[in-house]
Amino acid sequence: SAKGAFLLKEIDLWEVSIVTMPANTEAKITEVKASLQKGEIPPPSTVEKALREALGFTRSQAKGFMSKGYSALEQREADQEDALQSLKSLKSIFVGK
């Protein structure tokens, strides 16, 4: 172009860093299209990473979710409650309360 700049109408970005104060103040993101919208299914490792980074899952929660689905999370919560009750029972035996 006359200004020595290019207008990129559509590109595939592998990684981006969205910042509050960009080095180039003219740089703007105007639209985001996800692979899912195109009917593509992301690899399991990508979904697992998204569960950890975007939703705050622990590594074991994300792996459990990927292997057994939502029910894996519910079961882990139930297991934690059972473990907590067992610890409270042990405490009452030793402390006498």
PDB file of N, CA and C in Angstrom:
ATOM      1  N   SER A   1       0.835  -1.186   0.000  1.00  0.00           N
ATOM      2  CA  SER A   1       0.000   0.000   0.000  1.00  0.00           C
ATOM      3  C   SER A   1       0.876   1.243   0.000  1.00  0.00           C
ATOM      4  N   ALA A   2       0.254   2.391  -0.147  1.00  0.00           N
ATOM      5  CA  ALA A   2       0.988   3.654  -0.207  1.00  0.00           C
ATOM      6  C   ALA A   2       1.671   3.979   1.119  1.00  0.00           C
ATOM      7  N   LYS A   3       1.088   3.559   2.222  1.00  0.00           N
ATOM      8  CA  LYS A   3       1.667   3.836   3.546  1.00  0.00           C
ATOM      9  C   LYS A   3       2.704   2.795   3.956  1.00  0.00           C
ATOM     10  N   GLY A   4       2.852   1.753   3.165  1.00  0.00           N
ATOM     11  CA  GLY A   4       3.772   0.689   3.542  1.00  0.00           C
ATOM     12  C   GLY A   4       3.182  -0.236   4.588  1.00  0.00           C
ATOM     13  N   ALA A   5       1.859  -0.284   4.660  1.00  0.00           N
ATOM     14  CA  ALA A   5       1.177  -1.141   5.631  1.00  0.00           C
ATOM     15  C   ALA A   5       0.269  -2.109   4.891  1.00  0.00           C
ATOM     16  N   PHE A   6      -0.035  -3.211   5.533  1.00  0.00           N
ATOM     17  CA  PHE A   6      -0.915  -4.214   4.952  1.00  0.00           C
ATOM     18  C   PHE A   6      -2.167  -4.351   5.803  1.00  0.00           C
ATOM     19  N   LEU A   7      -3.291  -4.569   5.164  1.00  0.00           N
ATOM     20  CA  LEU A   7      -4.537  -4.861   5.861  1.00  0.00           C
ATOM     21  C   LEU A   7      -4.761  -6.360   5.751  1.00  0.00           C
ATOM     22  N   LEU A   8      -4.668  -7.053   6.857  1.00  0.00           N
ATOM     23  CA  LEU A   8      -4.862  -8.499   6.881  1.00  0.00           C
ATOM     24  C   LEU A   8      -6.324  -8.763   7.199  1.00  0.00           C
ATOM     25  N   LYS A   9      -7.063  -9.273   6.231  1.00  0.00           N
ATOM     26  CA  LYS A   9      -8.499  -9.485   6.420  1.00  0.00           C
ATOM     27  C   LYS A   9      -8.805 -10.803   7.103  1.00  0.00           C
ATOM     28  N   GLU A  10      -8.015 -11.811   6.843  1.00  0.00           N
ATOM     29  CA  GLU A  10      -8.245 -13.103   7.480  1.00  0.00           C
ATOM     30  C   GLU A  10      -6.916 -13.835   7.604  1.00  0.00           C
ATOM     31  N   ILE A  11      -6.560 -14.203   8.835  1.00  0.00           N
ATOM     32  CA  ILE A  11      -5.326 -14.943   9.074  1.00  0.00           C
ATOM     33  C   ILE A  11      -5.588 -15.995  10.141  1.00  0.00           C
ATOM     34  N   ASP A  12      -4.783 -17.025  10.150  1.00  0.00           N
ATOM     35  CA  ASP A  12      -4.836 -18.042  11.198  1.00  0.00           C
ATOM     36  C   ASP A  12      -3.693 -17.765  12.164  1.00  0.00           C
ATOM     37  N   LEU A  13      -4.042 -17.434  13.396  1.00  0.00           N
ATOM     38  CA  LEU A  13      -3.030 -17.185  14.418  1.00  0.00           C
ATOM     39  C   LEU A  13      -2.884 -18.421  15.281  1.00  0.00           C
ATOM     40  N   TRP A  14      -1.666 -18.823  15.505  1.00  0.00           N
ATOM     41  CA  TRP A  14      -1.421 -19.977  16.363  1.00  0.00           C
ATOM     42  C   TRP A  14      -1.391 -19.557  17.821  1.00  0.00           C
ATOM     43  N   GLU A  15      -0.935 -18.352  18.074  1.00  0.00           N
ATOM     44  CA  GLU A  15      -0.866 -17.868  19.450  1.00  0.00           C
ATOM     45  C   GLU A  15      -0.922 -16.350  19.424  1.00  0.00           C
ATOM     46  N   VAL A  16      -1.645 -15.778  20.354  1.00  0.00           N
ATOM     47  CA  VAL A  16      -1.713 -14.328  20.462  1.00  0.00           C
ATOM     48  C   VAL A  16      -1.541 -13.930  21.920  1.00  0.00           C
ATOM     49  N   SER A  17      -1.097 -12.718  22.114  1.00  0.00           N
ATOM     50  CA  SER A  17      -1.025 -12.147  23.454  1.00  0.00           C
ATOM     51  C   SER A  17      -1.830 -10.857  23.423  1.00  0.00           C
ATOM     52  N   ILE A  18      -2.991 -10.890  24.056  1.00  0.00           N
ATOM     53  CA  ILE A  18      -3.836  -9.707  24.099  1.00  0.00           C
ATOM     54  C   ILE A  18      -3.406  -8.899  25.315  1.00  0.00           C
ATOM     55  N   VAL A  19      -3.074  -7.634  25.079  1.00  0.00           N
ATOM     56  CA  VAL A  19      -2.552  -6.792  26.148  1.00  0.00           C
ATOM     57  C   VAL A  19      -3.381  -5.524  26.291  1.00  0.00           C
ATOM     58  N   THR A  20      -3.284  -4.903  27.444  1.00  0.00           N
ATOM     59  CA  THR A  20      -4.011  -3.664  27.703  1.00  0.00           C
ATOM     60  C   THR A  20      -3.427  -2.505  26.915  1.00  0.00           C
ATOM     61  N   MET A  21      -2.107  -2.436  26.873  1.00  0.00           N
ATOM     62  CA  MET A  21      -1.442  -1.334  26.185  1.00  0.00           C
ATOM     63  C   MET A  21      -0.502  -1.893  25.117  1.00  0.00           C
ATOM     64  N   PRO A  22      -0.996  -2.039  23.872  1.00  0.00           N
ATOM     65  CA  PRO A  22      -0.158  -2.614  22.815  1.00  0.00           C
ATOM     66  C   PRO A  22       0.953  -1.654  22.385  1.00  0.00           C
ATOM     67  N   ALA A  23       2.024  -2.209  21.868  1.00  0.00           N
ATOM     68  CA  ALA A  23       3.120  -1.394  21.354  1.00  0.00           C
ATOM     69  C   ALA A  23       2.640  -0.574  20.159  1.00  0.00           C
ATOM     70  N   ASN A  24       1.796  -1.169  19.341  1.00  0.00           N
ATOM     71  CA  ASN A  24       1.214  -0.471  18.198  1.00  0.00           C
ATOM     72  C   ASN A  24      -0.228  -0.126  18.549  1.00  0.00           C
ATOM     73  N   THR A  25      -0.504   1.135  18.792  1.00  0.00           N
ATOM     74  CA  THR A  25      -1.853   1.549  19.205  1.00  0.00           C
ATOM     75  C   THR A  25      -2.892   1.359  18.105  1.00  0.00           C
ATOM     76  N   GLU A  26      -2.441   1.151  16.885  1.00  0.00           N
ATOM     77  CA  GLU A  26      -3.365   0.915  15.771  1.00  0.00           C
ATOM     78  C   GLU A  26      -3.784  -0.556  15.679  1.00  0.00           C
ATOM     79  N   ALA A  27      -3.086  -1.434  16.385  1.00  0.00           N
ATOM     80  CA  ALA A  27      -3.391  -2.869  16.328  1.00  0.00           C
ATOM     81  C   ALA A  27      -4.698  -3.130  17.062  1.00  0.00           C
ATOM     82  N   LYS A  28      -5.638  -3.749  16.373  1.00  0.00           N
ATOM     83  CA  LYS A  28      -6.940  -4.030  16.970  1.00  0.00           C
ATOM     84  C   LYS A  28      -7.430  -5.402  16.541  1.00  0.00           C
ATOM     85  N   ILE A  29      -8.075  -6.093  17.463  1.00  0.00           N
ATOM     86  CA  ILE A  29      -8.739  -7.352  17.140  1.00  0.00           C
ATOM     87  C   ILE A  29     -10.198  -7.007  16.906  1.00  0.00           C
ATOM     88  N   THR A  30     -10.688  -7.292  15.716  1.00  0.00           N
ATOM     89  CA  THR A  30     -12.074  -6.931  15.399  1.00  0.00           C
ATOM     90  C   THR A  30     -13.005  -8.126  15.385  1.00  0.00           C
ATOM     91  N   GLU A  31     -12.468  -9.325  15.230  1.00  0.00           N
ATOM     92  CA  GLU A  31     -13.325 -10.503  15.181  1.00  0.00           C
ATOM     93  C   GLU A  31     -12.505 -11.737  15.507  1.00  0.00           C
ATOM     94  N   VAL A  32     -13.129 -12.673  16.204  1.00  0.00           N
ATOM     95  CA  VAL A  32     -12.475 -13.935  16.533  1.00  0.00           C
ATOM     96  C   VAL A  32     -13.381 -15.058  16.073  1.00  0.00           C
ATOM     97  N   LYS A  33     -12.826 -15.967  15.328  1.00  0.00           N
ATOM     98  CA  LYS A  33     -13.582 -17.134  14.882  1.00  0.00           C
ATOM     99  C   LYS A  33     -12.907 -18.371  15.444  1.00  0.00           C
ATOM    100  N   ALA A  34     -13.653 -19.166  16.141  1.00  0.00           N
ATOM    101  CA  ALA A  34     -13.104 -20.377  16.749  1.00  0.00           C
ATOM    102  C   ALA A  34     -13.133 -21.538  15.773  1.00  0.00           C
ATOM    103  N   SER A  35     -12.207 -22.477  15.972  1.00  0.00           N
ATOM    104  CA  SER A  35     -12.183 -23.677  15.143  1.00  0.00           C
ATOM    105  C   SER A  35     -13.474 -24.462  15.304  1.00  0.00           C
ATOM    106  N   LEU A  36     -14.055 -24.408  16.519  1.00  0.00           N
ATOM    107  CA  LEU A  36     -15.295 -25.146  16.749  1.00  0.00           C
ATOM    108  C   LEU A  36     -16.413 -24.649  15.849  1.00  0.00           C
ATOM    109  N   GLN A  37     -16.405 -23.354  15.540  1.00  0.00           N
ATOM    110  CA  GLN A  37     -17.429 -22.812  14.658  1.00  0.00           C
ATOM    111  C   GLN A  37     -17.305 -23.388  13.251  1.00  0.00           C
ATOM    112  N   LYS A  38     -16.112 -23.800  12.891  1.00  0.00           N
ATOM    113  CA  LYS A  38     -15.894 -24.386  11.569  1.00  0.00           C
ATOM    114  C   LYS A  38     -16.199 -25.875  11.563  1.00  0.00           C
ATOM    115  N   GLY A  39     -16.571 -26.429  12.724  1.00  0.00           N
ATOM    116  CA  GLY A  39     -16.858 -27.852  12.812  1.00  0.00           C
ATOM    117  C   GLY A  39     -15.649 -28.697  13.146  1.00  0.00           C
ATOM    118  N   GLU A  40     -14.519 -28.053  13.402  1.00  0.00           N
ATOM    119  CA  GLU A  40     -13.305 -28.792  13.749  1.00  0.00           C
ATOM    120  C   GLU A  40     -13.344 -29.175  15.224  1.00  0.00           C
ATOM    121  N   ILE A  41     -12.805 -30.316  15.547  1.00  0.00           N
ATOM    122  CA  ILE A  41     -12.729 -30.766  16.936  1.00  0.00           C
ATOM    123  C   ILE A  41     -11.279 -30.626  17.388  1.00  0.00           C
ATOM    124  N   PRO A  42     -11.041 -29.857  18.465  1.00  0.00           N
ATOM    125  CA  PRO A  42      -9.661 -29.687  18.921  1.00  0.00           C
ATOM    126  C   PRO A  42      -9.120 -30.977  19.519  1.00  0.00           C
ATOM    127  N   PRO A  43      -7.800 -31.151  19.489  1.00  0.00           N
ATOM    128  CA  PRO A  43      -7.210 -32.351  20.091  1.00  0.00           C
ATOM    129  C   PRO A  43      -7.438 -32.360  21.603  1.00  0.00           C
ATOM    130  N   PRO A  44      -7.486 -33.551  22.209  1.00  0.00           N
ATOM    131  CA  PRO A  44      -7.718 -33.660  23.654  1.00  0.00           C
ATOM    132  C   PRO A  44      -6.760 -32.819  24.496  1.00  0.00           C
ATOM    133  N   SER A  45      -5.506 -32.742  24.086  1.00  0.00           N
ATOM    134  CA  SER A  45      -4.537 -31.967  24.873  1.00  0.00           C
ATOM    135  C   SER A  45      -4.911 -30.483  24.911  1.00  0.00           C
ATOM    136  N   THR A  46      -5.489 -29.982  23.836  1.00  0.00           N
ATOM    137  CA  THR A  46      -5.920 -28.585  23.785  1.00  0.00           C
ATOM    138  C   THR A  46      -7.103 -28.352  24.713  1.00  0.00           C
ATOM    139  N   VAL A  47      -8.045 -29.289  24.730  1.00  0.00           N
ATOM    140  CA  VAL A  47      -9.212 -29.172  25.603  1.00  0.00           C
ATOM    141  C   VAL A  47      -8.773 -29.253  27.063  1.00  0.00           C
ATOM    142  N   GLU A  48      -7.879 -30.187  27.359  1.00  0.00           N
ATOM    143  CA  GLU A  48      -7.376 -30.343  28.733  1.00  0.00           C
ATOM    144  C   GLU A  48      -6.682 -29.066  29.202  1.00  0.00           C
ATOM    145  N   LYS A  49      -5.878 -28.485  28.341  1.00  0.00           N
ATOM    146  CA  LYS A  49      -5.179 -27.241  28.678  1.00  0.00           C
ATOM    147  C   LYS A  49      -6.183 -26.109  28.911  1.00  0.00           C
ATOM    148  N   ALA A  50      -7.217 -26.040  28.091  1.00  0.00           N
ATOM    149  CA  ALA A  50      -8.246 -25.007  28.253  1.00  0.00           C
ATOM    150  C   ALA A  50      -8.989 -25.176  29.571  1.00  0.00           C
ATOM    151  N   LEU A  51      -9.259 -26.410  29.958  1.00  0.00           N
ATOM    152  CA  LEU A  51      -9.927 -26.661  31.238  1.00  0.00           C
ATOM    153  C   LEU A  51      -9.088 -26.126  32.396  1.00  0.00           C
ATOM    154  N   ARG A  52      -7.770 -26.320  32.302  1.00  0.00           N
ATOM    155  CA  ARG A  52      -6.881 -25.856  33.373  1.00  0.00           C
ATOM    156  C   ARG A  52      -6.739 -24.335  33.360  1.00  0.00           C
ATOM    157  N   GLU A  53      -6.471 -23.784  32.190  1.00  0.00           N
ATOM    158  CA  GLU A  53      -6.153 -22.359  32.113  1.00  0.00           C
ATOM    159  C   GLU A  53      -7.386 -21.463  32.171  1.00  0.00           C
ATOM    160  N   ALA A  54      -8.446 -21.846  31.490  1.00  0.00           N
ATOM    161  CA  ALA A  54      -9.626 -20.978  31.427  1.00  0.00           C
ATOM    162  C   ALA A  54     -10.605 -21.223  32.565  1.00  0.00           C
ATOM    163  N   LEU A  55     -10.706 -22.458  33.019  1.00  0.00           N
ATOM    164  CA  LEU A  55     -11.697 -22.785  34.038  1.00  0.00           C
ATOM    165  C   LEU A  55     -11.093 -23.065  35.409  1.00  0.00           C
ATOM    166  N   GLY A  56      -9.765 -23.100  35.492  1.00  0.00           N
ATOM    167  CA  GLY A  56      -9.118 -23.281  36.783  1.00  0.00           C
ATOM    168  C   GLY A  56      -9.104 -24.707  37.301  1.00  0.00           C
ATOM    169  N   PHE A  57      -9.318 -25.691  36.423  1.00  0.00           N
ATOM    170  CA  PHE A  57      -9.258 -27.086  36.854  1.00  0.00           C
ATOM    171  C   PHE A  57      -7.830 -27.425  37.256  1.00  0.00           C
ATOM    172  N   THR A  58      -7.683 -28.327  38.215  1.00  0.00           N
ATOM    173  CA  THR A  58      -6.359 -28.861  38.516  1.00  0.00           C
ATOM    174  C   THR A  58      -6.004 -29.831  37.390  1.00  0.00           C
ATOM    175  N   ARG A  59      -4.754 -30.229  37.354  1.00  0.00           N
ATOM    176  CA  ARG A  59      -4.322 -31.179  36.315  1.00  0.00           C
ATOM    177  C   ARG A  59      -5.107 -32.485  36.426  1.00  0.00           C
ATOM    178  N   SER A  60      -5.275 -32.985  37.657  1.00  0.00           N
ATOM    179  CA  SER A  60      -5.992 -34.255  37.827  1.00  0.00           C
ATOM    180  C   SER A  60      -7.476 -34.107  37.492  1.00  0.00           C
ATOM    181  N   GLN A  61      -8.074 -32.956  37.805  1.00  0.00           N
ATOM    182  CA  GLN A  61      -9.473 -32.734  37.436  1.00  0.00           C
ATOM    183  C   GLN A  61      -9.632 -32.713  35.918  1.00  0.00           C
ATOM    184  N   ALA A  62      -8.726 -32.026  35.241  1.00  0.00           N
ATOM    185  CA  ALA A  62      -8.803 -31.941  33.780  1.00  0.00           C
ATOM    186  C   ALA A  62      -8.628 -33.320  33.149  1.00  0.00           C
ATOM    187  N   LYS A  63      -7.669 -34.097  33.650  1.00  0.00           N
ATOM    188  CA  LYS A  63      -7.461 -35.451  33.115  1.00  0.00           C
ATOM    189  C   LYS A  63      -8.676 -36.328  33.394  1.00  0.00           C
ATOM    190  N   GLY A  64      -9.239 -36.221  34.605  1.00  0.00           N
ATOM    191  CA  GLY A  64     -10.438 -36.988  34.944  1.00  0.00           C
ATOM    192  C   GLY A  64     -11.607 -36.621  34.057  1.00  0.00           C
ATOM    193  N   PHE A  65     -11.764 -35.334  33.816  1.00  0.00           N
ATOM    194  CA  PHE A  65     -12.847 -34.868  32.950  1.00  0.00           C
ATOM    195  C   PHE A  65     -12.674 -35.412  31.537  1.00  0.00           C
ATOM    196  N   MET A  66     -11.437 -35.395  31.045  1.00  0.00           N
ATOM    197  CA  MET A  66     -11.180 -35.875  29.690  1.00  0.00           C
ATOM    198  C   MET A  66     -11.409 -37.381  29.583  1.00  0.00           C
ATOM    199  N   SER A  67     -11.127 -38.132  30.634  1.00  0.00           N
ATOM    200  CA  SER A  67     -11.273 -39.588  30.537  1.00  0.00           C
ATOM    201  C   SER A  67     -12.687 -40.066  30.847  1.00  0.00           C
ATOM    202  N   LYS A  68     -13.376 -39.390  31.780  1.00  0.00           N
ATOM    203  CA  LYS A  68     -14.690 -39.888  32.201  1.00  0.00           C
ATOM    204  C   LYS A  68     -15.802 -38.860  32.094  1.00  0.00           C
ATOM    205  N   GLY A  69     -15.497 -37.673  31.602  1.00  0.00           N
ATOM    206  CA  GLY A  69     -16.528 -36.655  31.467  1.00  0.00           C
ATOM    207  C   GLY A  69     -16.890 -35.998  32.784  1.00  0.00           C
ATOM    208  N   TYR A  70     -18.017 -35.333  32.779  1.00  0.00           N
ATOM    209  CA  TYR A  70     -18.455 -34.548  33.937  1.00  0.00           C
ATOM    210  C   TYR A  70     -18.613 -35.397  35.190  1.00  0.00           C
ATOM    211  N   SER A  71     -19.043 -36.635  35.027  1.00  0.00           N
ATOM    212  CA  SER A  71     -19.265 -37.494  36.196  1.00  0.00           C
ATOM    213  C   SER A  71     -17.976 -37.725  36.984  1.00  0.00           C
ATOM    214  N   ALA A  72     -16.827 -37.637  36.340  1.00  0.00           N
ATOM    215  CA  ALA A  72     -15.551 -37.812  37.038  1.00  0.00           C
ATOM    216  C   ALA A  72     -15.352 -36.712  38.072  1.00  0.00           C
ATOM    217  N   LEU A  73     -15.808 -35.508  37.777  1.00  0.00           N
ATOM    218  CA  LEU A  73     -15.671 -34.403  38.722  1.00  0.00           C
ATOM    219  C   LEU A  73     -16.573 -34.605  39.923  1.00  0.00           C
ATOM    220  N   GLU A  74     -17.789 -35.035  39.686  1.00  0.00           N
ATOM    221  CA  GLU A  74     -18.726 -35.263  40.782  1.00  0.00           C
ATOM    222  C   GLU A  74     -18.211 -36.357  41.708  1.00  0.00           C
ATOM    223  N   GLN A  75     -17.651 -37.411  41.134  1.00  0.00           N
ATOM    224  CA  GLN A  75     -17.136 -38.518  41.936  1.00  0.00           C
ATOM    225  C   GLN A  75     -15.966 -38.062  42.796  1.00  0.00           C
ATOM    226  N   ARG A  76     -15.100 -37.244  42.251  1.00  0.00           N
ATOM    227  CA  ARG A  76     -13.956 -36.755  43.023  1.00  0.00           C
ATOM    228  C   ARG A  76     -14.429 -35.932  44.211  1.00  0.00           C
ATOM    229  N   GLU A  77     -15.460 -35.118  44.014  1.00  0.00           N
ATOM    230  CA  GLU A  77     -15.998 -34.325  45.118  1.00  0.00           C
ATOM    231  C   GLU A  77     -16.556 -35.246  46.203  1.00  0.00           C
ATOM    232  N   ALA A  78     -17.264 -36.296  45.779  1.00  0.00           N
ATOM    233  CA  ALA A  78     -17.824 -37.252  46.740  1.00  0.00           C
ATOM    234  C   ALA A  78     -16.702 -37.951  47.498  1.00  0.00           C
ATOM    235  N   ASP A  79     -15.638 -38.323  46.784  1.00  0.00           N
ATOM    236  CA  ASP A  79     -14.486 -38.968  47.425  1.00  0.00           C
ATOM    237  C   ASP A  79     -13.851 -38.037  48.454  1.00  0.00           C
ATOM    238  N   GLN A  80     -13.759 -36.760  48.143  1.00  0.00           N
ATOM    239  CA  GLN A  80     -13.179 -35.802  49.079  1.00  0.00           C
ATOM    240  C   GLN A  80     -14.044 -35.677  50.326  1.00  0.00           C
ATOM    241  N   GLU A  81     -15.351 -35.663  50.157  1.00  0.00           N
ATOM    242  CA  GLU A  81     -16.253 -35.583  51.309  1.00  0.00           C
ATOM    243  C   GLU A  81     -16.114 -36.821  52.192  1.00  0.00           C
ATOM    244  N   ASP A  82     -16.032 -37.998  51.559  1.00  0.00           N
ATOM    245  CA  ASP A  82     -15.844 -39.238  52.320  1.00  0.00           C
ATOM    246  C   ASP A  82     -14.531 -39.198  53.099  1.00  0.00           C
ATOM    247  N   ALA A  83     -13.480 -38.728  52.449  1.00  0.00           N
ATOM    248  CA  ALA A  83     -12.173 -38.649  53.103  1.00  0.00           C
ATOM    249  C   ALA A  83     -12.227 -37.676  54.279  1.00  0.00           C
ATOM    250  N   LEU A  84     -12.903 -36.552  54.094  1.00  0.00           N
ATOM    251  CA  LEU A  84     -13.023 -35.574  55.170  1.00  0.00           C
ATOM    252  C   LEU A  84     -13.780 -36.153  56.359  1.00  0.00           C
ATOM    253  N   GLN A  85     -14.856 -36.858  56.102  1.00  0.00           N
ATOM    254  CA  GLN A  85     -15.619 -37.490  57.184  1.00  0.00           C
ATOM    255  C   GLN A  85     -14.774 -38.532  57.920  1.00  0.00           C
ATOM    256  N   SER A  86     -13.995 -39.288  57.170  1.00  0.00           N
ATOM    257  CA  SER A  86     -13.113 -40.287  57.796  1.00  0.00           C
ATOM    258  C   SER A  86     -12.089 -39.624  58.702  1.00  0.00           C
ATOM    259  N   LEU A  87     -11.511 -38.517  58.234  1.00  0.00           N
ATOM    260  CA  LEU A  87     -10.533 -37.796  59.054  1.00  0.00           C
ATOM    261  C   LEU A  87     -11.176 -37.233  60.317  1.00  0.00           C
ATOM    262  N   LYS A  88     -12.394 -36.720  60.185  1.00  0.00           N
ATOM    263  CA  LYS A  88     -13.097 -36.193  61.361  1.00  0.00           C
ATOM    264  C   LYS A  88     -13.381 -37.309  62.363  1.00  0.00           C
ATOM    265  N   SER A  89     -13.734 -38.482  61.864  1.00  0.00           N
ATOM    266  CA  SER A  89     -13.981 -39.626  62.749  1.00  0.00           C
ATOM    267  C   SER A  89     -12.712 -40.027  63.483  1.00  0.00           C
ATOM    268  N   LEU A  90     -11.594 -40.068  62.762  1.00  0.00           N
ATOM    269  CA  LEU A  90     -10.315 -40.401  63.393  1.00  0.00           C
ATOM    270  C   LEU A  90      -9.945 -39.370  64.448  1.00  0.00           C
ATOM    271  N   LYS A  91     -10.173 -38.106  64.130  1.00  0.00           N
ATOM    272  CA  LYS A  91      -9.858 -37.044  65.085  1.00  0.00           C
ATOM    273  C   LYS A  91     -10.671 -37.231  66.362  1.00  0.00           C
ATOM    274  N   SER A  92     -11.949 -37.545  66.213  1.00  0.00           N
ATOM    275  CA  SER A  92     -12.797 -37.705  67.402  1.00  0.00           C
ATOM    276  C   SER A  92     -12.343 -38.887  68.258  1.00  0.00           C
ATOM    277  N   ILE A  93     -11.800 -39.905  67.624  1.00  0.00           N
ATOM    278  CA  ILE A  93     -11.291 -41.058  68.380  1.00  0.00           C
ATOM    279  C   ILE A  93     -10.094 -40.642  69.222  1.00  0.00           C
ATOM    280  N   PHE A  94      -9.166 -39.862  68.632  1.00  0.00           N
ATOM    281  CA  PHE A  94      -7.947 -39.479  69.337  1.00  0.00           C
ATOM    282  C   PHE A  94      -8.155 -38.313  70.295  1.00  0.00           C
ATOM    283  N   VAL A  95      -9.021 -37.385  69.930  1.00  0.00           N
ATOM    284  CA  VAL A  95      -9.229 -36.202  70.758  1.00  0.00           C
ATOM    285  C   VAL A  95     -10.343 -36.439  71.766  1.00  0.00           C
ATOM    286  N   GLY A  96     -11.267 -37.316  71.433  1.00  0.00           N
ATOM    287  CA  GLY A  96     -12.363 -37.621  72.333  1.00  0.00           C
ATOM    288  C   GLY A  96     -13.548 -36.701  72.173  1.00  0.00           C
ATOM    289  N   LYS A  97     -13.717 -36.092  71.006  1.00  0.00           N
ATOM    290  CA  LYS A  97     -14.869 -35.204  70.764  1.00  0.00           C
ATOM    291  C   LYS A  97     -15.719 -35.726  69.642  1.00  0.00           C
TER     292      LYS A  97
END
